[in-house]
Amino acid sequence: MMKESILTGKRILAVDDEPDVLTVMEEEILEACPGCMFDKAATYEEAAARMGSWTYDLVILGTMGLRGLDLLELALSRNFVVSILTPQALAEEALKGSMGMRVRAYVPKERLGEIVSLLENIMRQEYFPQWKVLFGRLEGFFNVQWEANWLRPEAKFWCRTCRCRHGFLRSNVY
């Protein structure tokens, strides 16, 4: 018997301007967790209206230009758990800024096949431990983005943010 997903009974909003990305997320999530309520929005207006009308357990925001920041602020002001769906071109400063705003996690678009397990981990963890888990699971992705030792120059920031005791984050430490 399959273990019930932590997403069962949760209401999730996915926002992205690429309809195929929304379709893949919807299929992946509802196949693994048919008891989940899944809403999607492809425009700023549609997403803002949904966030104003419903309470969401989790909001997955695609990067939608300048209006994406407005959606992020709206979601956080409503105390929704927020994850950013990111294309491969992710800037380190954007990651740091999002952590400072209490975004729960980044989900790379290229990892949509793992969306359910990533979202389940997001919902299981509190804010700080979640970043440790995410860095452990996606270290290779981040290393490709910014080079293998990208954490070292600002180790104090990363360790303070993730409550790391080791001086720098490495998946082999966890």
Protein backbone atom coordinates (compact mmCIF):
# COMPACT_ATOMS: atom_id res chain seq x y z
CA MET A 1 0.00 0.00 0.00
CA MET A 2 1.32 3.42 -0.96
CA LYS A 3 1.98 5.90 1.83
CA GLU A 4 -0.32 8.92 1.76
CA SER A 5 1.33 12.13 0.64
CA ILE A 6 1.66 15.09 2.99
CA LEU A 7 0.15 17.05 0.08
CA THR A 8 -3.20 15.27 0.48
CA GLY A 9 -5.87 17.81 1.35
CA LYS A 10 -3.52 20.74 0.65
CA ARG A 11 -4.45 23.53 -1.73
CA ILE A 12 -1.60 24.39 -4.10
CA LEU A 13 -1.34 27.28 -6.54
CA ALA A 14 1.19 27.05 -9.39
CA VAL A 15 1.98 30.21 -11.35
CA ASP A 16 4.02 30.24 -14.54
CA ASP A 17 3.74 31.90 -17.92
CA GLU A 18 4.54 28.62 -19.70
CA PRO A 19 1.36 26.52 -20.03
CA ASP A 20 3.33 23.30 -20.60
CA VAL A 21 5.16 23.77 -17.27
CA LEU A 22 1.81 24.20 -15.50
CA THR A 23 0.45 21.09 -17.21
CA VAL A 24 3.46 18.98 -16.21
CA MET A 25 3.20 20.16 -12.60
CA GLU A 26 -0.52 19.48 -12.50
CA GLU A 27 -0.10 15.98 -13.93
CA GLU A 28 2.80 15.08 -11.63
CA ILE A 29 1.14 16.40 -8.48
CA LEU A 30 -2.37 15.08 -9.09
CA GLU A 31 -1.11 11.65 -10.19
CA ALA A 32 0.89 11.25 -6.98
CA CYS A 33 -1.68 12.97 -4.80
CA PRO A 34 -5.22 12.93 -6.19
CA GLY A 35 -6.52 14.29 -2.86
CA CYS A 36 -4.66 17.55 -3.39
CA MET A 37 -6.41 20.67 -4.70
CA PHE A 38 -4.39 22.17 -7.53
CA ASP A 39 -4.98 25.61 -9.06
CA LYS A 40 -2.88 27.20 -11.76
CA ALA A 41 -2.45 30.65 -13.21
CA ALA A 42 -0.55 31.81 -16.28
CA THR A 43 -0.79 35.59 -15.77
CA TYR A 44 -0.16 38.08 -13.00
CA GLU A 45 -3.83 39.09 -12.92
CA GLU A 46 -5.09 35.53 -12.67
CA ALA A 47 -2.58 34.66 -9.93
CA ALA A 48 -3.31 37.80 -7.91
CA ALA A 49 -7.06 37.12 -8.12
CA ARG A 50 -6.61 33.53 -6.95
CA MET A 51 -4.37 34.59 -4.07
CA GLY A 52 -6.94 37.19 -3.07
CA SER A 53 -9.80 34.68 -3.16
CA TRP A 54 -8.31 31.53 -1.64
CA THR A 55 -5.99 30.44 1.11
CA TYR A 56 -3.16 28.26 -0.16
CA ASP A 57 -0.98 25.82 1.73
CA LEU A 58 1.70 26.19 -0.92
CA VAL A 59 2.32 28.62 -3.78
CA ILE A 60 4.80 27.74 -6.52
CA LEU A 61 5.81 30.90 -8.36
CA GLY A 62 7.52 30.89 -11.72
CA THR A 63 9.78 33.84 -12.35
CA MET A 64 7.51 36.20 -14.27
CA GLY A 65 9.64 39.31 -14.61
CA LEU A 66 8.94 42.35 -12.47
CA ARG A 67 5.36 41.30 -11.72
CA GLY A 68 6.73 38.05 -10.26
CA LEU A 69 8.19 40.06 -7.37
CA ASP A 70 4.77 41.61 -6.79
CA LEU A 71 3.21 38.13 -6.68
CA LEU A 72 5.91 36.97 -4.29
CA GLU A 73 5.22 39.89 -1.95
CA LEU A 74 1.47 39.22 -2.14
CA ALA A 75 1.91 35.52 -1.35
CA LEU A 76 4.25 36.24 1.56
CA SER A 77 1.91 38.93 2.92
CA ARG A 78 -0.83 36.28 3.03
CA ASN A 79 1.57 33.95 4.92
CA PHE A 80 1.53 31.33 2.17
CA VAL A 81 4.41 28.87 1.99
CA VAL A 82 6.21 29.92 -1.19
CA SER A 83 8.56 28.04 -3.46
CA ILE A 84 10.15 29.61 -6.52
CA LEU A 85 10.10 27.65 -9.77
CA THR A 86 13.24 28.71 -11.52
CA PRO A 87 14.67 28.31 -15.00
CA GLN A 88 18.30 27.28 -15.27
CA ALA A 89 19.50 30.91 -15.24
CA LEU A 90 19.35 31.50 -11.49
CA ALA A 91 21.38 34.30 -9.95
CA GLU A 92 23.07 33.79 -6.59
CA GLU A 93 21.86 37.22 -5.45
CA ALA A 94 18.27 36.24 -6.26
CA LEU A 95 18.67 33.11 -4.15
CA LYS A 96 20.04 35.10 -1.21
CA GLY A 97 17.34 37.74 -1.54
CA SER A 98 14.58 35.14 -1.61
CA MET A 99 15.95 33.43 1.47
CA GLY A 100 15.91 36.78 3.22
CA MET A 101 12.25 37.18 2.27
CA ARG A 102 11.51 33.70 3.73
CA VAL A 103 10.87 31.91 0.46
CA ARG A 104 10.81 28.25 1.43
CA ALA A 105 12.74 26.77 -1.53
CA TYR A 106 13.77 26.93 -5.15
CA VAL A 107 12.59 24.22 -7.53
CA PRO A 108 14.52 24.12 -10.83
CA LYS A 109 12.27 23.64 -13.86
CA GLU A 110 14.58 20.92 -15.09
CA ARG A 111 13.66 18.90 -11.96
CA LEU A 112 9.87 18.91 -12.54
CA GLY A 113 9.94 15.11 -12.60
CA GLU A 114 10.83 15.30 -8.89
CA ILE A 115 8.31 18.02 -8.05
CA VAL A 116 6.20 15.87 -5.72
CA SER A 117 9.07 14.75 -3.49
CA LEU A 118 10.52 18.27 -3.44
CA LEU A 119 7.15 19.75 -2.43
CA GLU A 120 6.62 17.04 0.19
CA ASN A 121 9.99 17.95 1.71
CA ILE A 122 9.07 21.63 1.64
CA MET A 123 5.85 20.94 3.54
CA ARG A 124 7.55 18.65 6.10
CA GLN A 125 10.33 21.02 7.06
CA GLU A 126 10.38 24.27 8.91
CA TYR A 127 12.00 27.22 7.14
CA PHE A 128 15.68 26.82 8.06
CA PRO A 129 16.03 23.03 7.95
CA GLN A 130 14.33 23.06 4.55
CA TRP A 131 17.19 25.03 3.02
CA LYS A 132 19.67 22.44 4.34
CA VAL A 133 17.66 19.67 2.69
CA LEU A 134 17.33 21.63 -0.54
CA PHE A 135 21.04 22.40 -0.73
CA GLY A 136 21.82 18.75 -0.11
CA ARG A 137 19.47 17.53 -2.84
CA LEU A 138 20.29 20.19 -5.41
CA GLU A 139 23.96 20.84 -4.70
CA GLY A 140 24.94 19.59 -8.16
CA PHE A 141 22.46 21.96 -9.81
CA PHE A 142 23.79 24.95 -7.86
CA ASN A 143 27.41 23.89 -8.49
CA VAL A 144 26.77 23.89 -12.25
CA GLN A 145 25.14 27.32 -11.96
CA TRP A 146 27.89 29.06 -10.04
CA GLU A 147 30.94 26.73 -9.79
CA ALA A 148 31.74 24.09 -7.22
CA ASN A 149 32.91 26.34 -4.36
CA TRP A 150 30.26 29.05 -4.65
CA LEU A 151 29.33 28.77 -0.95
CA ARG A 152 32.79 29.43 0.47
CA PRO A 153 33.21 33.19 -0.17
CA GLU A 154 30.07 33.96 1.84
CA ALA A 155 30.05 30.95 4.15
CA LYS A 156 28.94 33.04 7.14
CA PHE A 157 25.79 34.16 5.33
CA TRP A 158 24.88 30.65 4.16
CA CYS A 159 25.53 29.05 7.53
CA ARG A 160 23.64 31.73 9.43
CA THR A 161 20.72 31.48 7.02
CA CYS A 162 20.60 27.67 7.09
CA ARG A 163 21.68 27.32 10.71
CA CYS A 164 24.74 25.36 9.62
CA ARG A 165 27.36 24.63 12.30
CA HIS A 166 30.10 23.59 9.91
CA GLY A 167 31.44 26.81 8.42
CA PHE A 168 30.15 25.99 4.94
CA LEU A 169 27.45 23.89 3.40
CA ARG A 170 28.39 20.63 1.73
CA SER A 171 26.07 17.75 1.04
CA ASN A 172 28.61 15.32 2.52
CA VAL A 173 28.33 17.16 5.84
CA TYR A 174 24.63 16.40 6.07
